[in-house]
N, C-alpha and C. Protein backbone atom coordinates (compact mmCIF):
# COMPACT_ATOMS: atom_id res chain seq x y z
N UNK A 1 3.16 30.80 -33.85
CA UNK A 1 3.11 30.48 -32.44
C UNK A 1 4.49 30.11 -31.94
N UNK A 2 4.78 30.47 -30.70
CA UNK A 2 6.08 30.12 -30.12
C UNK A 2 6.01 28.71 -29.54
N UNK A 3 7.14 28.23 -29.07
CA UNK A 3 7.22 26.86 -28.54
C UNK A 3 6.40 26.70 -27.27
N UNK A 4 6.21 27.79 -26.52
CA UNK A 4 5.48 27.67 -25.26
C UNK A 4 3.99 27.93 -25.44
N UNK A 5 3.58 28.52 -26.54
CA UNK A 5 2.16 28.77 -26.78
C UNK A 5 1.66 27.85 -27.88
N UNK A 6 0.71 27.03 -27.56
CA UNK A 6 0.12 26.10 -28.50
C UNK A 6 -1.39 26.31 -28.52
N UNK A 7 -2.05 25.62 -29.44
CA UNK A 7 -3.49 25.71 -29.54
C UNK A 7 -4.09 24.37 -29.14
N UNK A 8 -5.12 24.38 -28.27
CA UNK A 8 -5.80 23.16 -27.84
C UNK A 8 -6.53 22.56 -29.03
N UNK A 9 -6.37 21.23 -29.22
CA UNK A 9 -7.03 20.59 -30.35
C UNK A 9 -8.51 20.37 -30.07
N UNK A 10 -8.94 20.54 -28.82
CA UNK A 10 -10.34 20.36 -28.48
C UNK A 10 -11.15 21.64 -28.61
N UNK A 11 -10.74 22.66 -27.86
CA UNK A 11 -11.53 23.90 -27.82
C UNK A 11 -10.88 25.05 -28.58
N UNK A 12 -9.68 24.84 -29.14
CA UNK A 12 -8.95 25.82 -29.96
C UNK A 12 -8.46 27.04 -29.18
N UNK A 13 -8.45 26.95 -27.84
CA UNK A 13 -7.91 28.05 -27.04
C UNK A 13 -6.38 28.01 -27.08
N UNK A 14 -5.78 29.17 -26.91
CA UNK A 14 -4.32 29.25 -26.89
C UNK A 14 -3.84 28.74 -25.53
N UNK A 15 -2.88 27.82 -25.59
CA UNK A 15 -2.34 27.25 -24.36
C UNK A 15 -1.12 28.05 -23.93
N UNK A 16 -1.14 28.47 -22.69
CA UNK A 16 0.00 29.20 -22.13
C UNK A 16 0.61 28.32 -21.05
N UNK A 17 1.92 28.11 -21.17
CA UNK A 17 2.61 27.20 -20.27
C UNK A 17 2.41 27.59 -18.82
N UNK A 18 1.97 26.61 -18.00
CA UNK A 18 1.80 26.84 -16.58
C UNK A 18 0.44 27.37 -16.20
N UNK A 19 -0.30 27.96 -17.12
CA UNK A 19 -1.60 28.52 -16.74
C UNK A 19 -2.76 27.59 -17.08
N UNK A 20 -2.81 27.05 -18.30
CA UNK A 20 -3.94 26.18 -18.65
C UNK A 20 -3.52 24.87 -19.30
N UNK A 21 -2.24 24.48 -19.18
CA UNK A 21 -1.84 23.14 -19.65
C UNK A 21 -0.69 22.61 -18.81
N UNK A 22 -0.66 21.28 -18.70
CA UNK A 22 0.39 20.58 -17.97
C UNK A 22 1.15 19.70 -18.96
N UNK A 23 2.28 19.16 -18.51
CA UNK A 23 3.07 18.33 -19.42
C UNK A 23 2.28 17.10 -19.87
N UNK A 24 1.38 16.59 -19.00
CA UNK A 24 0.58 15.43 -19.39
C UNK A 24 -0.43 15.77 -20.47
N UNK A 25 -0.71 17.05 -20.66
CA UNK A 25 -1.69 17.47 -21.68
C UNK A 25 -1.08 17.57 -23.07
N UNK A 26 0.25 17.50 -23.20
CA UNK A 26 0.87 17.72 -24.50
C UNK A 26 1.67 16.52 -24.99
N UNK A 27 1.48 15.36 -24.40
CA UNK A 27 2.20 14.17 -24.86
C UNK A 27 1.79 13.83 -26.29
N UNK A 28 2.76 13.38 -27.06
CA UNK A 28 2.54 12.96 -28.45
C UNK A 28 1.95 14.07 -29.31
N UNK A 29 2.25 15.29 -29.02
CA UNK A 29 1.78 16.46 -29.78
C UNK A 29 0.26 16.56 -29.85
N UNK A 30 -0.42 16.01 -28.84
CA UNK A 30 -1.88 16.15 -28.76
C UNK A 30 -2.16 17.22 -27.72
N UNK A 31 -2.08 18.46 -28.15
CA UNK A 31 -2.17 19.58 -27.23
C UNK A 31 -3.62 19.79 -26.80
N UNK A 32 -3.82 19.68 -25.48
CA UNK A 32 -5.15 19.88 -24.90
C UNK A 32 -5.01 20.74 -23.66
N UNK A 33 -6.02 21.58 -23.44
CA UNK A 33 -6.03 22.33 -22.19
C UNK A 33 -6.45 21.38 -21.07
N UNK A 34 -6.31 21.81 -19.84
CA UNK A 34 -6.60 20.95 -18.70
C UNK A 34 -8.06 20.49 -18.73
N UNK A 35 -8.97 21.37 -19.06
CA UNK A 35 -10.39 21.01 -19.09
C UNK A 35 -10.69 19.96 -20.15
N UNK A 36 -10.13 20.11 -21.35
CA UNK A 36 -10.35 19.11 -22.41
C UNK A 36 -9.73 17.77 -22.02
N UNK A 37 -8.57 17.80 -21.35
CA UNK A 37 -7.93 16.57 -20.89
C UNK A 37 -8.80 15.87 -19.86
N UNK A 38 -9.41 16.63 -18.94
CA UNK A 38 -10.32 16.04 -17.94
C UNK A 38 -11.52 15.38 -18.61
N UNK A 39 -12.08 16.05 -19.60
CA UNK A 39 -13.23 15.48 -20.32
C UNK A 39 -12.82 14.19 -21.02
N UNK A 40 -11.66 14.19 -21.66
CA UNK A 40 -11.16 13.00 -22.34
C UNK A 40 -10.96 11.85 -21.35
N UNK A 41 -10.40 12.15 -20.17
CA UNK A 41 -10.18 11.11 -19.16
C UNK A 41 -11.50 10.53 -18.66
N UNK A 42 -12.51 11.39 -18.45
CA UNK A 42 -13.82 10.89 -18.00
C UNK A 42 -14.44 9.95 -19.03
N UNK A 43 -14.34 10.31 -20.31
CA UNK A 43 -14.89 9.46 -21.37
C UNK A 43 -14.14 8.14 -21.41
N UNK A 44 -12.81 8.19 -21.28
CA UNK A 44 -12.00 6.96 -21.32
C UNK A 44 -12.35 6.06 -20.14
N UNK A 45 -12.46 6.63 -18.92
CA UNK A 45 -12.78 5.83 -17.74
C UNK A 45 -14.16 5.19 -17.87
N UNK A 46 -15.12 5.93 -18.42
CA UNK A 46 -16.48 5.40 -18.57
C UNK A 46 -16.50 4.23 -19.55
N UNK A 47 -15.75 4.37 -20.65
CA UNK A 47 -15.76 3.34 -21.69
C UNK A 47 -14.93 2.11 -21.32
N UNK A 48 -13.93 2.28 -20.44
CA UNK A 48 -13.03 1.16 -20.17
C UNK A 48 -13.38 0.43 -18.88
N UNK A 49 -14.54 0.69 -18.30
CA UNK A 49 -14.92 -0.07 -17.11
C UNK A 49 -15.02 -1.53 -17.45
N UNK A 50 -14.70 -2.37 -16.46
CA UNK A 50 -14.69 -3.81 -16.72
C UNK A 50 -16.08 -4.29 -17.06
N UNK A 51 -16.15 -5.00 -18.15
CA UNK A 51 -17.40 -5.63 -18.54
C UNK A 51 -17.29 -7.11 -18.20
N UNK A 52 -18.35 -7.71 -17.68
CA UNK A 52 -18.25 -9.13 -17.33
C UNK A 52 -18.00 -9.99 -18.55
N UNK A 53 -17.12 -10.95 -18.40
CA UNK A 53 -16.83 -11.85 -19.51
C UNK A 53 -17.99 -12.81 -19.69
N UNK A 54 -18.36 -13.00 -20.91
CA UNK A 54 -19.41 -13.95 -21.22
C UNK A 54 -18.76 -15.32 -21.37
N UNK A 55 -19.31 -16.31 -20.67
CA UNK A 55 -18.70 -17.63 -20.69
C UNK A 55 -19.19 -18.39 -21.92
N UNK A 56 -18.69 -18.00 -23.05
CA UNK A 56 -19.08 -18.62 -24.31
C UNK A 56 -18.23 -19.87 -24.55
N UNK A 57 -18.58 -20.59 -25.57
CA UNK A 57 -17.83 -21.79 -25.94
C UNK A 57 -16.38 -21.43 -26.26
N UNK A 58 -16.18 -20.30 -26.93
CA UNK A 58 -14.83 -19.85 -27.28
C UNK A 58 -14.02 -19.59 -26.01
N UNK A 59 -14.65 -18.96 -25.02
CA UNK A 59 -13.97 -18.67 -23.75
C UNK A 59 -13.63 -19.96 -23.02
N UNK A 60 -14.54 -20.93 -23.02
CA UNK A 60 -14.28 -22.21 -22.37
C UNK A 60 -13.11 -22.93 -23.04
N UNK A 61 -13.07 -22.89 -24.36
CA UNK A 61 -11.97 -23.53 -25.09
C UNK A 61 -10.64 -22.85 -24.79
N UNK A 62 -10.68 -21.51 -24.65
CA UNK A 62 -9.47 -20.77 -24.31
C UNK A 62 -8.95 -21.19 -22.93
N UNK A 63 -9.87 -21.34 -21.96
CA UNK A 63 -9.47 -21.75 -20.60
C UNK A 63 -8.89 -23.16 -20.61
N UNK A 64 -9.52 -24.08 -21.34
CA UNK A 64 -9.03 -25.45 -21.42
C UNK A 64 -7.64 -25.48 -22.04
N UNK A 65 -7.44 -24.71 -23.10
CA UNK A 65 -6.14 -24.65 -23.76
C UNK A 65 -5.08 -24.11 -22.80
N UNK A 66 -5.43 -23.04 -22.04
CA UNK A 66 -4.48 -22.45 -21.10
C UNK A 66 -4.11 -23.46 -20.03
N UNK A 67 -5.09 -24.21 -19.52
CA UNK A 67 -4.81 -25.19 -18.48
C UNK A 67 -3.91 -26.30 -19.01
N UNK A 68 -4.10 -26.71 -20.26
CA UNK A 68 -3.25 -27.74 -20.85
C UNK A 68 -1.82 -27.23 -21.01
N UNK A 69 -1.68 -25.97 -21.40
CA UNK A 69 -0.35 -25.39 -21.62
C UNK A 69 0.37 -25.07 -20.31
N UNK A 70 -0.38 -24.94 -19.22
CA UNK A 70 0.19 -24.55 -17.93
C UNK A 70 -0.12 -25.58 -16.86
N UNK A 71 0.03 -26.87 -17.18
CA UNK A 71 -0.32 -27.94 -16.25
C UNK A 71 0.47 -27.84 -14.94
N UNK A 72 1.73 -27.51 -15.03
CA UNK A 72 2.55 -27.40 -13.83
C UNK A 72 2.01 -26.37 -12.87
N UNK A 73 1.66 -25.21 -13.39
CA UNK A 73 1.14 -24.14 -12.55
C UNK A 73 -0.22 -24.52 -11.96
N UNK A 74 -1.09 -25.12 -12.78
CA UNK A 74 -2.41 -25.53 -12.30
C UNK A 74 -2.27 -26.58 -11.20
N UNK A 75 -1.37 -27.55 -11.39
CA UNK A 75 -1.14 -28.56 -10.35
C UNK A 75 -0.60 -27.93 -9.08
N UNK A 76 0.28 -26.96 -9.22
CA UNK A 76 0.84 -26.26 -8.06
C UNK A 76 -0.27 -25.57 -7.26
N UNK A 77 -1.14 -24.85 -7.94
CA UNK A 77 -2.23 -24.13 -7.25
C UNK A 77 -3.17 -25.12 -6.57
N UNK A 78 -3.53 -26.20 -7.27
CA UNK A 78 -4.44 -27.19 -6.68
C UNK A 78 -3.80 -27.89 -5.48
N UNK A 79 -2.52 -28.21 -5.58
CA UNK A 79 -1.82 -28.86 -4.46
C UNK A 79 -1.72 -27.91 -3.27
N UNK A 80 -1.45 -26.66 -3.55
CA UNK A 80 -1.34 -25.67 -2.48
C UNK A 80 -2.67 -25.54 -1.73
N UNK A 81 -3.77 -25.51 -2.48
CA UNK A 81 -5.10 -25.41 -1.85
C UNK A 81 -5.41 -26.67 -1.04
N UNK A 82 -5.10 -27.84 -1.59
CA UNK A 82 -5.36 -29.08 -0.87
C UNK A 82 -4.55 -29.14 0.43
N UNK A 83 -3.28 -28.75 0.36
CA UNK A 83 -2.43 -28.75 1.54
C UNK A 83 -2.95 -27.77 2.58
N UNK A 84 -3.42 -26.61 2.11
CA UNK A 84 -3.97 -25.62 3.03
C UNK A 84 -5.21 -26.16 3.74
N UNK A 85 -6.05 -26.87 2.98
CA UNK A 85 -7.26 -27.43 3.57
C UNK A 85 -6.90 -28.48 4.63
N UNK A 86 -5.89 -29.30 4.33
CA UNK A 86 -5.46 -30.31 5.29
C UNK A 86 -4.89 -29.65 6.54
N UNK A 87 -4.08 -28.60 6.34
CA UNK A 87 -3.50 -27.89 7.48
C UNK A 87 -4.58 -27.24 8.34
N UNK A 88 -5.64 -26.78 7.71
CA UNK A 88 -6.70 -26.06 8.42
C UNK A 88 -7.78 -26.98 8.97
N UNK A 89 -7.61 -28.30 8.85
CA UNK A 89 -8.57 -29.24 9.42
C UNK A 89 -8.02 -29.74 10.74
N UNK A 90 -8.59 -29.31 11.87
CA UNK A 90 -8.07 -29.76 13.17
C UNK A 90 -8.48 -31.20 13.46
N UNK A 91 -7.82 -31.79 14.43
CA UNK A 91 -8.09 -33.19 14.78
C UNK A 91 -9.51 -33.36 15.33
N UNK A 92 -10.05 -32.34 15.94
CA UNK A 92 -11.38 -32.44 16.54
C UNK A 92 -12.51 -32.20 15.54
N UNK A 93 -12.20 -31.94 14.27
CA UNK A 93 -13.23 -31.70 13.26
C UNK A 93 -14.03 -32.98 13.01
N UNK A 94 -15.32 -32.83 12.80
CA UNK A 94 -16.19 -33.96 12.51
C UNK A 94 -16.20 -34.19 10.99
N UNK A 95 -15.35 -35.10 10.53
CA UNK A 95 -15.20 -35.35 9.10
C UNK A 95 -16.47 -35.91 8.48
N UNK A 96 -17.27 -36.63 9.27
CA UNK A 96 -18.51 -37.18 8.77
C UNK A 96 -19.49 -36.06 8.40
N UNK A 97 -19.61 -35.04 9.26
CA UNK A 97 -20.51 -33.91 8.95
C UNK A 97 -19.99 -33.08 7.78
N UNK A 98 -18.68 -32.93 7.69
CA UNK A 98 -18.10 -32.20 6.56
C UNK A 98 -18.43 -32.92 5.26
N UNK A 99 -18.28 -34.24 5.27
CA UNK A 99 -18.60 -35.04 4.09
C UNK A 99 -20.07 -34.91 3.72
N UNK A 100 -20.97 -34.88 4.73
CA UNK A 100 -22.41 -34.74 4.47
C UNK A 100 -22.71 -33.40 3.79
N UNK A 101 -22.03 -32.35 4.18
CA UNK A 101 -22.25 -31.03 3.56
C UNK A 101 -21.85 -31.08 2.09
N UNK A 102 -20.71 -31.71 1.80
CA UNK A 102 -20.27 -31.82 0.40
C UNK A 102 -21.22 -32.71 -0.41
N UNK A 103 -21.73 -33.77 0.20
CA UNK A 103 -22.69 -34.64 -0.49
C UNK A 103 -23.99 -33.90 -0.79
N UNK A 104 -24.45 -33.08 0.17
CA UNK A 104 -25.66 -32.30 -0.05
C UNK A 104 -25.47 -31.31 -1.19
N UNK A 105 -24.31 -30.69 -1.24
CA UNK A 105 -24.01 -29.77 -2.34
C UNK A 105 -23.96 -30.52 -3.66
N UNK A 106 -23.41 -31.73 -3.64
CA UNK A 106 -23.34 -32.55 -4.85
C UNK A 106 -24.74 -32.88 -5.37
N UNK A 107 -25.67 -33.16 -4.47
CA UNK A 107 -27.06 -33.42 -4.87
C UNK A 107 -27.68 -32.20 -5.53
N UNK A 108 -27.43 -31.01 -4.95
CA UNK A 108 -27.96 -29.77 -5.54
C UNK A 108 -27.37 -29.53 -6.93
N UNK A 109 -26.10 -29.83 -7.08
CA UNK A 109 -25.44 -29.65 -8.38
C UNK A 109 -26.04 -30.59 -9.41
N UNK A 110 -26.28 -31.85 -9.01
CA UNK A 110 -26.86 -32.79 -9.96
C UNK A 110 -28.29 -32.41 -10.32
N UNK A 111 -28.99 -31.73 -9.40
CA UNK A 111 -30.37 -31.31 -9.66
C UNK A 111 -30.43 -30.05 -10.52
N UNK A 112 -29.57 -29.06 -10.22
CA UNK A 112 -29.64 -27.76 -10.89
C UNK A 112 -28.56 -27.53 -11.94
N UNK A 113 -27.63 -28.46 -12.08
CA UNK A 113 -26.62 -28.33 -13.12
C UNK A 113 -25.27 -27.92 -12.57
N UNK A 114 -24.23 -28.09 -13.41
CA UNK A 114 -22.88 -27.74 -12.96
C UNK A 114 -22.76 -26.24 -12.73
N UNK A 115 -21.88 -25.90 -11.84
CA UNK A 115 -21.61 -24.49 -11.49
C UNK A 115 -22.85 -23.78 -10.96
N UNK A 116 -23.74 -24.50 -10.26
CA UNK A 116 -24.92 -23.86 -9.68
C UNK A 116 -24.71 -23.60 -8.19
N UNK A 117 -24.02 -24.49 -7.50
CA UNK A 117 -23.80 -24.34 -6.06
C UNK A 117 -22.35 -24.65 -5.71
N UNK A 118 -21.87 -24.03 -4.62
CA UNK A 118 -20.52 -24.26 -4.10
C UNK A 118 -20.61 -24.48 -2.60
N UNK A 119 -19.63 -25.19 -2.06
CA UNK A 119 -19.44 -25.24 -0.61
C UNK A 119 -18.48 -24.11 -0.28
N UNK A 120 -18.90 -23.22 0.60
CA UNK A 120 -18.13 -22.02 0.90
C UNK A 120 -17.65 -22.05 2.34
N UNK A 121 -16.44 -21.56 2.57
CA UNK A 121 -15.95 -21.36 3.93
C UNK A 121 -16.41 -19.97 4.37
N UNK A 122 -17.18 -19.91 5.43
CA UNK A 122 -17.70 -18.62 5.93
C UNK A 122 -16.52 -17.71 6.27
N UNK A 123 -15.59 -18.22 7.06
CA UNK A 123 -14.33 -17.52 7.32
C UNK A 123 -13.30 -18.19 6.42
N UNK A 124 -12.73 -17.46 5.45
CA UNK A 124 -11.84 -18.08 4.46
C UNK A 124 -10.65 -18.78 5.09
N UNK A 125 -10.16 -19.80 4.41
CA UNK A 125 -9.00 -20.54 4.92
C UNK A 125 -7.74 -19.70 4.91
N UNK A 126 -7.61 -18.84 3.90
CA UNK A 126 -6.41 -18.00 3.81
C UNK A 126 -6.82 -16.55 3.57
N UNK A 127 -7.61 -16.00 4.48
CA UNK A 127 -8.05 -14.62 4.34
C UNK A 127 -6.94 -13.64 4.67
N UNK A 128 -7.10 -12.40 4.24
CA UNK A 128 -6.10 -11.37 4.52
C UNK A 128 -6.20 -10.90 5.97
N UNK A 129 -7.43 -10.74 6.47
CA UNK A 129 -7.63 -10.23 7.82
C UNK A 129 -7.75 -11.35 8.85
N UNK A 130 -8.44 -12.42 8.48
CA UNK A 130 -8.69 -13.51 9.41
C UNK A 130 -8.69 -14.83 8.62
N UNK A 131 -8.23 -15.90 9.26
CA UNK A 131 -8.21 -17.21 8.62
C UNK A 131 -9.00 -18.19 9.47
N UNK A 132 -9.79 -19.04 8.80
CA UNK A 132 -10.65 -19.96 9.51
C UNK A 132 -10.17 -21.40 9.39
N UNK A 133 -10.99 -22.30 9.94
CA UNK A 133 -10.71 -23.73 9.90
C UNK A 133 -11.62 -24.42 8.90
N UNK A 134 -11.19 -25.61 8.47
CA UNK A 134 -12.02 -26.45 7.62
C UNK A 134 -12.80 -27.39 8.54
N UNK A 135 -13.87 -26.83 9.15
CA UNK A 135 -14.73 -27.58 10.06
C UNK A 135 -16.18 -27.37 9.64
N UNK A 136 -17.07 -28.23 10.15
CA UNK A 136 -18.47 -28.20 9.73
C UNK A 136 -19.16 -26.88 10.06
N UNK A 137 -18.76 -26.21 11.14
CA UNK A 137 -19.39 -24.94 11.52
C UNK A 137 -18.98 -23.79 10.61
N UNK A 138 -17.91 -23.96 9.87
CA UNK A 138 -17.39 -22.91 9.00
C UNK A 138 -17.79 -23.12 7.53
N UNK A 139 -18.61 -24.14 7.26
CA UNK A 139 -19.01 -24.43 5.89
C UNK A 139 -20.47 -24.07 5.66
N UNK A 140 -20.74 -23.60 4.45
CA UNK A 140 -22.12 -23.33 4.05
C UNK A 140 -22.24 -23.60 2.56
N UNK A 141 -23.47 -23.87 2.12
CA UNK A 141 -23.72 -24.09 0.70
C UNK A 141 -24.30 -22.80 0.15
N UNK A 142 -23.64 -22.27 -0.87
CA UNK A 142 -24.06 -21.02 -1.50
C UNK A 142 -24.27 -21.24 -2.99
N UNK A 143 -25.09 -20.38 -3.57
CA UNK A 143 -25.16 -20.36 -5.03
C UNK A 143 -23.79 -19.92 -5.54
N UNK A 144 -23.39 -20.48 -6.66
CA UNK A 144 -22.05 -20.21 -7.20
C UNK A 144 -21.84 -18.72 -7.43
N UNK A 145 -22.87 -18.04 -7.94
CA UNK A 145 -22.76 -16.62 -8.23
C UNK A 145 -22.43 -15.83 -6.96
N UNK A 146 -23.10 -16.17 -5.85
CA UNK A 146 -22.86 -15.47 -4.59
C UNK A 146 -21.48 -15.78 -4.03
N UNK A 147 -21.06 -17.04 -4.15
CA UNK A 147 -19.75 -17.42 -3.64
C UNK A 147 -18.64 -16.74 -4.42
N UNK A 148 -18.77 -16.66 -5.74
CA UNK A 148 -17.74 -16.03 -6.56
C UNK A 148 -17.68 -14.53 -6.32
N UNK A 149 -18.83 -13.92 -6.04
CA UNK A 149 -18.81 -12.48 -5.75
C UNK A 149 -18.22 -12.21 -4.36
N UNK A 150 -18.39 -13.14 -3.43
CA UNK A 150 -17.83 -13.01 -2.09
C UNK A 150 -16.32 -13.10 -2.13
N UNK A 151 -15.80 -14.02 -2.94
CA UNK A 151 -14.36 -14.18 -3.06
C UNK A 151 -13.73 -14.69 -1.78
N UNK A 152 -12.55 -14.21 -1.48
CA UNK A 152 -11.79 -14.65 -0.30
C UNK A 152 -11.94 -13.65 0.83
N UNK A 153 -13.18 -13.17 1.04
CA UNK A 153 -13.42 -12.15 2.05
C UNK A 153 -14.31 -12.70 3.15
N UNK A 154 -14.19 -12.13 4.32
CA UNK A 154 -15.04 -12.49 5.45
C UNK A 154 -16.08 -11.39 5.63
N UNK A 155 -17.33 -11.73 5.37
CA UNK A 155 -18.43 -10.77 5.53
C UNK A 155 -19.07 -10.99 6.90
N UNK A 156 -18.92 -10.01 7.77
CA UNK A 156 -19.47 -10.16 9.13
C UNK A 156 -20.97 -10.01 9.13
């Protein structure tokens, strides 16, 4: 075989430069025709889809260790969020009602366990499209799973 004609390792067809193979098909001497490369990519994409992490004891210990090793960064993120919340609380906000919402969420957490409920900002404090205030009308109590899936997005 010449340098331009190779054999596909998948289907054993002769590869002719420019007609049935691209440079991406021959990296690392793994000669594949375009069709075999497409099949390989589909299998890889199917197998490498994100699988949800299981919150096992090992995973919890890993997170605790990371937080201990990165205290400065963790403090920075927490301080930034606290400052943002203070900035987003207007003078006319009813702090008593805001506190009541957090207390109600705390009661639900004590009843159903940790990480069961969150206080969520309906319009996020630092959203990409729109930013809201830290006021009683913008707060809601959600199940933790729903709040984490919502993320920092505003769902109309």
